[in-house]
Amino acid sequence: MTPRIAPGFRLQWEEVQQAHVLLYPEGMVKLNQSAGEILKRCDGTRDVPAIVAELEGAFHAQGLAPEVQAFLDIALKQRWVVPS
């Protein structure tokens, strides 16, 4: 799957909140740092393994695939992301 932010949603950094937020017509979701970092990479050009590899490189971590996939499963159910 190559996820991208779903139509009707917009990801942006909210300085006042000091967090990424996901905006949509009915409201806003304040994201934790991990969710923000994952969604920043959901631009329709990277598949899940590429997102995981980029996150592992950026944060000098290993074994992030299960957590990234679990979050993306939730994001799909919430309709925050769609497959490209």
PDB file of N, CA and C in Angstrom:
ATOM      1  N   MET A   1       0.846  -1.187   0.000  1.00  0.00           N
ATOM      2  CA  MET A   1       0.000   0.000   0.000  1.00  0.00           C
ATOM      3  C   MET A   1       0.886   1.244   0.000  1.00  0.00           C
ATOM      4  N   THR A   2       0.459   2.223  -0.739  1.00  0.00           N
ATOM      5  CA  THR A   2       1.113   3.524  -0.785  1.00  0.00           C
ATOM      6  C   THR A   2       0.111   4.550  -0.269  1.00  0.00           C
ATOM      7  N   PRO A   3       0.148   4.839   1.044  1.00  0.00           N
ATOM      8  CA  PRO A   3      -0.878   5.704   1.624  1.00  0.00           C
ATOM      9  C   PRO A   3      -0.673   7.185   1.318  1.00  0.00           C
ATOM     10  N   ARG A   4      -1.786   7.889   1.283  1.00  0.00           N
ATOM     11  CA  ARG A   4      -1.757   9.352   1.161  1.00  0.00           C
ATOM     12  C   ARG A   4      -2.885   9.910   2.020  1.00  0.00           C
ATOM     13  N   ILE A   5      -2.742  11.156   2.402  1.00  0.00           N
ATOM     14  CA  ILE A   5      -3.777  11.804   3.196  1.00  0.00           C
ATOM     15  C   ILE A   5      -5.065  11.814   2.369  1.00  0.00           C
ATOM     16  N   ALA A   6      -6.154  11.458   2.993  1.00  0.00           N
ATOM     17  CA  ALA A   6      -7.435  11.359   2.295  1.00  0.00           C
ATOM     18  C   ALA A   6      -7.956  12.734   1.883  1.00  0.00           C
ATOM     19  N   PRO A   7      -8.706  12.783   0.790  1.00  0.00           N
ATOM     20  CA  PRO A   7      -9.343  14.040   0.401  1.00  0.00           C
ATOM     21  C   PRO A   7     -10.204  14.565   1.553  1.00  0.00           C
ATOM     22  N   GLY A   8     -10.185  15.853   1.743  1.00  0.00           N
ATOM     23  CA  GLY A   8     -10.955  16.467   2.812  1.00  0.00           C
ATOM     24  C   GLY A   8     -10.172  16.654   4.097  1.00  0.00           C
ATOM     25  N   PHE A   9      -8.966  16.081   4.150  1.00  0.00           N
ATOM     26  CA  PHE A   9      -8.105  16.226   5.315  1.00  0.00           C
ATOM     27  C   PHE A   9      -6.849  16.996   4.917  1.00  0.00           C
ATOM     28  N   ARG A  10      -6.305  17.731   5.878  1.00  0.00           N
ATOM     29  CA  ARG A  10      -5.052  18.458   5.631  1.00  0.00           C
ATOM     30  C   ARG A  10      -4.183  18.321   6.870  1.00  0.00           C
ATOM     31  N   LEU A  11      -2.945  17.908   6.655  1.00  0.00           N
ATOM     32  CA  LEU A  11      -1.973  17.782   7.729  1.00  0.00           C
ATOM     33  C   LEU A  11      -1.172  19.068   7.786  1.00  0.00           C
ATOM     34  N   GLN A  12      -1.024  19.616   8.986  1.00  0.00           N
ATOM     35  CA  GLN A  12      -0.190  20.809   9.118  1.00  0.00           C
ATOM     36  C   GLN A  12       0.383  20.887  10.521  1.00  0.00           C
ATOM     37  N   TRP A  13       1.490  21.629  10.641  1.00  0.00           N
ATOM     38  CA  TRP A  13       2.098  21.899  11.940  1.00  0.00           C
ATOM     39  C   TRP A  13       1.355  23.069  12.558  1.00  0.00           C
ATOM     40  N   GLU A  14       0.923  22.902  13.778  1.00  0.00           N
ATOM     41  CA  GLU A  14       0.211  23.953  14.500  1.00  0.00           C
ATOM     42  C   GLU A  14       1.135  24.462  15.598  1.00  0.00           C
ATOM     43  N   GLU A  15       1.674  25.647  15.376  1.00  0.00           N
ATOM     44  CA  GLU A  15       2.658  26.219  16.297  1.00  0.00           C
ATOM     45  C   GLU A  15       2.092  26.354  17.714  1.00  0.00           C
ATOM     46  N   VAL A  16       0.871  26.823  17.838  1.00  0.00           N
ATOM     47  CA  VAL A  16       0.261  27.019  19.155  1.00  0.00           C
ATOM     48  C   VAL A  16       0.171  25.692  19.911  1.00  0.00           C
ATOM     49  N   GLN A  17      -0.164  24.623  19.203  1.00  0.00           N
ATOM     50  CA  GLN A  17      -0.288  23.297  19.818  1.00  0.00           C
ATOM     51  C   GLN A  17       1.067  22.606  19.975  1.00  0.00           C
ATOM     52  N   GLN A  18       2.082  23.119  19.242  1.00  0.00           N
ATOM     53  CA  GLN A  18       3.390  22.461  19.181  1.00  0.00           C
ATOM     54  C   GLN A  18       3.236  20.990  18.771  1.00  0.00           C
ATOM     55  N   ALA A  19       2.384  20.796  17.747  1.00  0.00           N
ATOM     56  CA  ALA A  19       2.106  19.446  17.270  1.00  0.00           C
ATOM     57  C   ALA A  19       1.545  19.512  15.863  1.00  0.00           C
ATOM     58  N   HIS A  20       1.658  18.373  15.168  1.00  0.00           N
ATOM     59  CA  HIS A  20       0.954  18.246  13.897  1.00  0.00           C
ATOM     60  C   HIS A  20      -0.521  18.025  14.196  1.00  0.00           C
ATOM     61  N   VAL A  21      -1.341  18.574  13.335  1.00  0.00           N
ATOM     62  CA  VAL A  21      -2.782  18.375  13.451  1.00  0.00           C
ATOM     63  C   VAL A  21      -3.312  17.943  12.099  1.00  0.00           C
ATOM     64  N   LEU A  22      -4.391  17.223  12.138  1.00  0.00           N
ATOM     65  CA  LEU A  22      -5.083  16.795  10.932  1.00  0.00           C
ATOM     66  C   LEU A  22      -6.397  17.560  10.911  1.00  0.00           C
ATOM     67  N   LEU A  23      -6.525  18.458   9.951  1.00  0.00           N
ATOM     68  CA  LEU A  23      -7.713  19.300   9.846  1.00  0.00           C
ATOM     69  C   LEU A  23      -8.704  18.682   8.876  1.00  0.00           C
ATOM     70  N   TYR A  24      -9.976  18.821   9.196  1.00  0.00           N
ATOM     71  CA  TYR A  24     -11.054  18.379   8.304  1.00  0.00           C
ATOM     72  C   TYR A  24     -12.242  19.285   8.559  1.00  0.00           C
ATOM     73  N   PRO A  25     -13.235  19.299   7.676  1.00  0.00           N
ATOM     74  CA  PRO A  25     -14.323  20.279   7.797  1.00  0.00           C
ATOM     75  C   PRO A  25     -15.026  20.285   9.151  1.00  0.00           C
ATOM     76  N   GLU A  26     -15.151  19.140   9.788  1.00  0.00           N
ATOM     77  CA  GLU A  26     -15.874  19.069  11.057  1.00  0.00           C
ATOM     78  C   GLU A  26     -15.004  19.345  12.267  1.00  0.00           C
ATOM     79  N   GLY A  27     -13.679  19.460  12.091  1.00  0.00           N
ATOM     80  CA  GLY A  27     -12.841  19.673  13.256  1.00  0.00           C
ATOM     81  C   GLY A  27     -11.372  19.447  13.013  1.00  0.00           C
ATOM     82  N   MET A  28     -10.709  18.979  14.080  1.00  0.00           N
ATOM     83  CA  MET A  28      -9.267  18.829  14.069  1.00  0.00           C
ATOM     84  C   MET A  28      -8.880  17.677  14.986  1.00  0.00           C
ATOM     85  N   VAL A  29      -7.845  16.948  14.581  1.00  0.00           N
ATOM     86  CA  VAL A  29      -7.271  15.905  15.416  1.00  0.00           C
ATOM     87  C   VAL A  29      -5.845  16.328  15.734  1.00  0.00           C
ATOM     88  N   LYS A  30      -5.539  16.457  17.017  1.00  0.00           N
ATOM     89  CA  LYS A  30      -4.160  16.741  17.436  1.00  0.00           C
ATOM     90  C   LYS A  30      -3.423  15.416  17.477  1.00  0.00           C
ATOM     91  N   LEU A  31      -2.285  15.360  16.796  1.00  0.00           N
ATOM     92  CA  LEU A  31      -1.530  14.121  16.667  1.00  0.00           C
ATOM     93  C   LEU A  31      -0.335  14.112  17.612  1.00  0.00           C
ATOM     94  N   ASN A  32       0.000  12.930  18.102  1.00  0.00           N
ATOM     95  CA  ASN A  32       1.248  12.837  18.854  1.00  0.00           C
ATOM     96  C   ASN A  32       2.409  12.854  17.862  1.00  0.00           C
ATOM     97  N   GLN A  33       3.631  12.922  18.375  1.00  0.00           N
ATOM     98  CA  GLN A  33       4.789  13.068  17.496  1.00  0.00           C
ATOM     99  C   GLN A  33       4.902  11.912  16.507  1.00  0.00           C
ATOM    100  N   SER A  34       4.697  10.690  16.984  1.00  0.00           N
ATOM    101  CA  SER A  34       4.828   9.526  16.106  1.00  0.00           C
ATOM    102  C   SER A  34       3.814   9.572  14.967  1.00  0.00           C
ATOM    103  N   ALA A  35       2.576   9.863  15.301  1.00  0.00           N
ATOM    104  CA  ALA A  35       1.531   9.935  14.272  1.00  0.00           C
ATOM    105  C   ALA A  35       1.844  11.023  13.258  1.00  0.00           C
ATOM    106  N   GLY A  36       2.304  12.175  13.742  1.00  0.00           N
ATOM    107  CA  GLY A  36       2.662  13.266  12.838  1.00  0.00           C
ATOM    108  C   GLY A  36       3.780  12.878  11.888  1.00  0.00           C
ATOM    109  N   GLU A  37       4.794  12.199  12.418  1.00  0.00           N
ATOM    110  CA  GLU A  37       5.923  11.782  11.580  1.00  0.00           C
ATOM    111  C   GLU A  37       5.495  10.767  10.534  1.00  0.00           C
ATOM    112  N   ILE A  38       4.611   9.865  10.901  1.00  0.00           N
ATOM    113  CA  ILE A  38       4.123   8.876   9.929  1.00  0.00           C
ATOM    114  C   ILE A  38       3.292   9.573   8.852  1.00  0.00           C
ATOM    115  N   LEU A  39       2.330  10.389   9.276  1.00  0.00           N
ATOM    116  CA  LEU A  39       1.442  11.030   8.297  1.00  0.00           C
ATOM    117  C   LEU A  39       2.183  12.010   7.394  1.00  0.00           C
ATOM    118  N   LYS A  40       3.247  12.632   7.890  1.00  0.00           N
ATOM    119  CA  LYS A  40       4.047  13.521   7.031  1.00  0.00           C
ATOM    120  C   LYS A  40       4.567  12.784   5.806  1.00  0.00           C
ATOM    121  N   ARG A  41       4.770  11.498   5.960  1.00  0.00           N
ATOM    122  CA  ARG A  41       5.345  10.693   4.878  1.00  0.00           C
ATOM    123  C   ARG A  41       4.284  10.020   4.016  1.00  0.00           C
ATOM    124  N   CYS A  42       3.037  10.191   4.357  1.00  0.00           N
ATOM    125  CA  CYS A  42       1.933   9.603   3.583  1.00  0.00           C
ATOM    126  C   CYS A  42       1.521  10.577   2.483  1.00  0.00           C
ATOM    127  N   ASP A  43       2.344  10.638   1.453  1.00  0.00           N
ATOM    128  CA  ASP A  43       2.112  11.594   0.365  1.00  0.00           C
ATOM    129  C   ASP A  43       1.776  10.918  -0.958  1.00  0.00           C
ATOM    130  N   GLY A  44       1.568   9.595  -0.899  1.00  0.00           N
ATOM    131  CA  GLY A  44       1.225   8.871  -2.119  1.00  0.00           C
ATOM    132  C   GLY A  44       2.415   8.477  -2.961  1.00  0.00           C
ATOM    133  N   THR A  45       3.637   8.776  -2.496  1.00  0.00           N
ATOM    134  CA  THR A  45       4.828   8.402  -3.260  1.00  0.00           C
ATOM    135  C   THR A  45       5.635   7.313  -2.576  1.00  0.00           C
ATOM    136  N   ARG A  46       5.396   7.088  -1.292  1.00  0.00           N
ATOM    137  CA  ARG A  46       6.135   6.085  -0.528  1.00  0.00           C
ATOM    138  C   ARG A  46       5.190   4.954  -0.122  1.00  0.00           C
ATOM    139  N   ASP A  47       5.663   3.718  -0.292  1.00  0.00           N
ATOM    140  CA  ASP A  47       4.883   2.605   0.236  1.00  0.00           C
ATOM    141  C   ASP A  47       5.240   2.424   1.709  1.00  0.00           C
ATOM    142  N   VAL A  48       4.544   1.522   2.382  1.00  0.00           N
ATOM    143  CA  VAL A  48       4.750   1.349   3.824  1.00  0.00           C
ATOM    144  C   VAL A  48       6.193   0.967   4.152  1.00  0.00           C
ATOM    145  N   PRO A  49       6.828   0.022   3.434  1.00  0.00           N
ATOM    146  CA  PRO A  49       8.225  -0.285   3.758  1.00  0.00           C
ATOM    147  C   PRO A  49       9.151   0.935   3.607  1.00  0.00           C
ATOM    148  N   ALA A  50       8.895   1.785   2.636  1.00  0.00           N
ATOM    149  CA  ALA A  50       9.720   2.991   2.470  1.00  0.00           C
ATOM    150  C   ALA A  50       9.492   3.966   3.621  1.00  0.00           C
ATOM    151  N   ILE A  51       8.252   4.094   4.071  1.00  0.00           N
ATOM    152  CA  ILE A  51       7.953   4.964   5.219  1.00  0.00           C
ATOM    153  C   ILE A  51       8.673   4.440   6.452  1.00  0.00           C
ATOM    154  N   VAL A  52       8.599   3.131   6.674  1.00  0.00           N
ATOM    155  CA  VAL A  52       9.276   2.527   7.827  1.00  0.00           C
ATOM    156  C   VAL A  52      10.776   2.766   7.747  1.00  0.00           C
ATOM    157  N   ALA A  53      11.372   2.520   6.587  1.00  0.00           N
ATOM    158  CA  ALA A  53      12.814   2.705   6.424  1.00  0.00           C
ATOM    159  C   ALA A  53      13.220   4.152   6.679  1.00  0.00           C
ATOM    160  N   GLU A  54      12.429   5.094   6.181  1.00  0.00           N
ATOM    161  CA  GLU A  54      12.738   6.501   6.386  1.00  0.00           C
ATOM    162  C   GLU A  54      12.644   6.871   7.871  1.00  0.00           C
ATOM    163  N   LEU A  55      11.616   6.378   8.550  1.00  0.00           N
ATOM    164  CA  LEU A  55      11.470   6.649   9.988  1.00  0.00           C
ATOM    165  C   LEU A  55      12.605   6.022  10.790  1.00  0.00           C
ATOM    166  N   GLU A  56      12.963   4.787  10.458  1.00  0.00           N
ATOM    167  CA  GLU A  56      14.053   4.129  11.175  1.00  0.00           C
ATOM    168  C   GLU A  56      15.368   4.870  10.983  1.00  0.00           C
ATOM    169  N   GLY A  57      15.587   5.389   9.784  1.00  0.00           N
ATOM    170  CA  GLY A  57      16.794   6.167   9.541  1.00  0.00           C
ATOM    171  C   GLY A  57      16.776   7.509  10.256  1.00  0.00           C
ATOM    172  N   ALA A  58      15.643   8.171  10.220  1.00  0.00           N
ATOM    173  CA  ALA A  58      15.534   9.503  10.833  1.00  0.00           C
ATOM    174  C   ALA A  58      15.670   9.445  12.350  1.00  0.00           C
ATOM    175  N   PHE A  59      15.198   8.371  12.960  1.00  0.00           N
ATOM    176  CA  PHE A  59      15.184   8.286  14.418  1.00  0.00           C
ATOM    177  C   PHE A  59      16.159   7.244  14.963  1.00  0.00           C
ATOM    178  N   HIS A  60      17.037   6.744  14.096  1.00  0.00           N
ATOM    179  CA  HIS A  60      18.062   5.773  14.505  1.00  0.00           C
ATOM    180  C   HIS A  60      17.433   4.645  15.314  1.00  0.00           C
ATOM    181  N   ALA A  61      16.384   4.058  14.761  1.00  0.00           N
ATOM    182  CA  ALA A  61      15.638   3.001  15.435  1.00  0.00           C
ATOM    183  C   ALA A  61      15.492   1.814  14.490  1.00  0.00           C
ATOM    184  N   GLN A  62      15.167   0.683  15.057  1.00  0.00           N
ATOM    185  CA  GLN A  62      14.907  -0.530  14.283  1.00  0.00           C
ATOM    186  C   GLN A  62      13.601  -1.137  14.756  1.00  0.00           C
ATOM    187  N   GLY A  63      12.977  -1.915  13.881  1.00  0.00           N
ATOM    188  CA  GLY A  63      11.788  -2.655  14.269  1.00  0.00           C
ATOM    189  C   GLY A  63      10.525  -1.823  14.398  1.00  0.00           C
ATOM    190  N   LEU A  64      10.426  -0.737  13.632  1.00  0.00           N
ATOM    191  CA  LEU A  64       9.246   0.132  13.727  1.00  0.00           C
ATOM    192  C   LEU A  64       8.067  -0.344  12.882  1.00  0.00           C
ATOM    193  N   ALA A  65       8.287  -1.326  12.034  1.00  0.00           N
ATOM    194  CA  ALA A  65       7.235  -1.756  11.104  1.00  0.00           C
ATOM    195  C   ALA A  65       5.915  -2.109  11.788  1.00  0.00           C
ATOM    196  N   PRO A  66       5.919  -2.886  12.877  1.00  0.00           N
ATOM    197  CA  PRO A  66       4.622  -3.230  13.490  1.00  0.00           C
ATOM    198  C   PRO A  66       3.857  -2.001  13.991  1.00  0.00           C
ATOM    199  N   GLU A  67       4.566  -1.057  14.600  1.00  0.00           N
ATOM    200  CA  GLU A  67       3.902   0.135  15.120  1.00  0.00           C
ATOM    201  C   GLU A  67       3.390   1.026  13.992  1.00  0.00           C
ATOM    202  N   VAL A  68       4.177   1.163  12.937  1.00  0.00           N
ATOM    203  CA  VAL A  68       3.755   1.978  11.795  1.00  0.00           C
ATOM    204  C   VAL A  68       2.530   1.347  11.149  1.00  0.00           C
ATOM    205  N   GLN A  69       2.564   0.040  10.946  1.00  0.00           N
ATOM    206  CA  GLN A  69       1.427  -0.644  10.323  1.00  0.00           C
ATOM    207  C   GLN A  69       0.190  -0.540  11.200  1.00  0.00           C
ATOM    208  N   ALA A  70       0.351  -0.677  12.514  1.00  0.00           N
ATOM    209  CA  ALA A  70      -0.793  -0.575  13.422  1.00  0.00           C
ATOM    210  C   ALA A  70      -1.419   0.816  13.344  1.00  0.00           C
ATOM    211  N   PHE A  71      -0.581   1.859  13.298  1.00  0.00           N
ATOM    212  CA  PHE A  71      -1.121   3.206  13.183  1.00  0.00           C
ATOM    213  C   PHE A  71      -1.826   3.389  11.844  1.00  0.00           C
ATOM    214  N   LEU A  72      -1.220   2.913  10.767  1.00  0.00           N
ATOM    215  CA  LEU A  72      -1.838   3.075   9.446  1.00  0.00           C
ATOM    216  C   LEU A  72      -3.157   2.313   9.357  1.00  0.00           C
ATOM    217  N   ASP A  73      -3.261   1.186  10.029  1.00  0.00           N
ATOM    218  CA  ASP A  73      -4.539   0.454  10.066  1.00  0.00           C
ATOM    219  C   ASP A  73      -5.617   1.316  10.713  1.00  0.00           C
ATOM    220  N   ILE A  74      -5.265   1.978  11.813  1.00  0.00           N
ATOM    221  CA  ILE A  74      -6.205   2.877  12.481  1.00  0.00           C
ATOM    222  C   ILE A  74      -6.537   4.059  11.574  1.00  0.00           C
ATOM    223  N   ALA A  75      -5.519   4.641  10.948  1.00  0.00           N
ATOM    224  CA  ALA A  75      -5.727   5.794  10.069  1.00  0.00           C
ATOM    225  C   ALA A  75      -6.635   5.437   8.896  1.00  0.00           C
ATOM    226  N   LEU A  76      -6.502   4.228   8.370  1.00  0.00           N
ATOM    227  CA  LEU A  76      -7.388   3.767   7.291  1.00  0.00           C
ATOM    228  C   LEU A  76      -8.824   3.650   7.784  1.00  0.00           C
ATOM    229  N   LYS A  77      -8.998   3.064   8.966  1.00  0.00           N
ATOM    230  CA  LYS A  77     -10.347   2.904   9.525  1.00  0.00           C
ATOM    231  C   LYS A  77     -10.992   4.256   9.812  1.00  0.00           C
ATOM    232  N   GLN A  78     -10.177   5.222  10.224  1.00  0.00           N
ATOM    233  CA  GLN A  78     -10.679   6.567  10.501  1.00  0.00           C
ATOM    234  C   GLN A  78     -10.867   7.380   9.211  1.00  0.00           C
ATOM    235  N   ARG A  79     -10.395   6.808   8.100  1.00  0.00           N
ATOM    236  CA  ARG A  79     -10.450   7.457   6.780  1.00  0.00           C
ATOM    237  C   ARG A  79      -9.558   8.692   6.699  1.00  0.00           C
ATOM    238  N   TRP A  80      -8.471   8.707   7.508  1.00  0.00           N
ATOM    239  CA  TRP A  80      -7.490   9.794   7.431  1.00  0.00           C
ATOM    240  C   TRP A  80      -6.581   9.609   6.236  1.00  0.00           C
ATOM    241  N   VAL A  81      -6.332   8.343   5.867  1.00  0.00           N
ATOM    242  CA  VAL A  81      -5.483   8.036   4.710  1.00  0.00           C
ATOM    243  C   VAL A  81      -6.239   7.088   3.791  1.00  0.00           C
ATOM    244  N   VAL A  82      -5.828   7.102   2.553  1.00  0.00           N
ATOM    245  CA  VAL A  82      -6.354   6.188   1.543  1.00  0.00           C
ATOM    246  C   VAL A  82      -5.181   5.642   0.751  1.00  0.00           C
ATOM    247  N   PRO A  83      -5.318   4.441   0.184  1.00  0.00           N
ATOM    248  CA  PRO A  83      -4.252   3.925  -0.671  1.00  0.00           C
ATOM    249  C   PRO A  83      -4.200   4.689  -1.989  1.00  0.00           C
ATOM    250  N   SER A  84      -3.013   4.902  -2.475  1.00  0.00           N
ATOM    251  CA  SER A  84      -2.867   5.582  -3.787  1.00  0.00           C
ATOM    252  C   SER A  84      -2.985   4.567  -4.898  1.00  0.00           C
TER     253      SER A  84
END
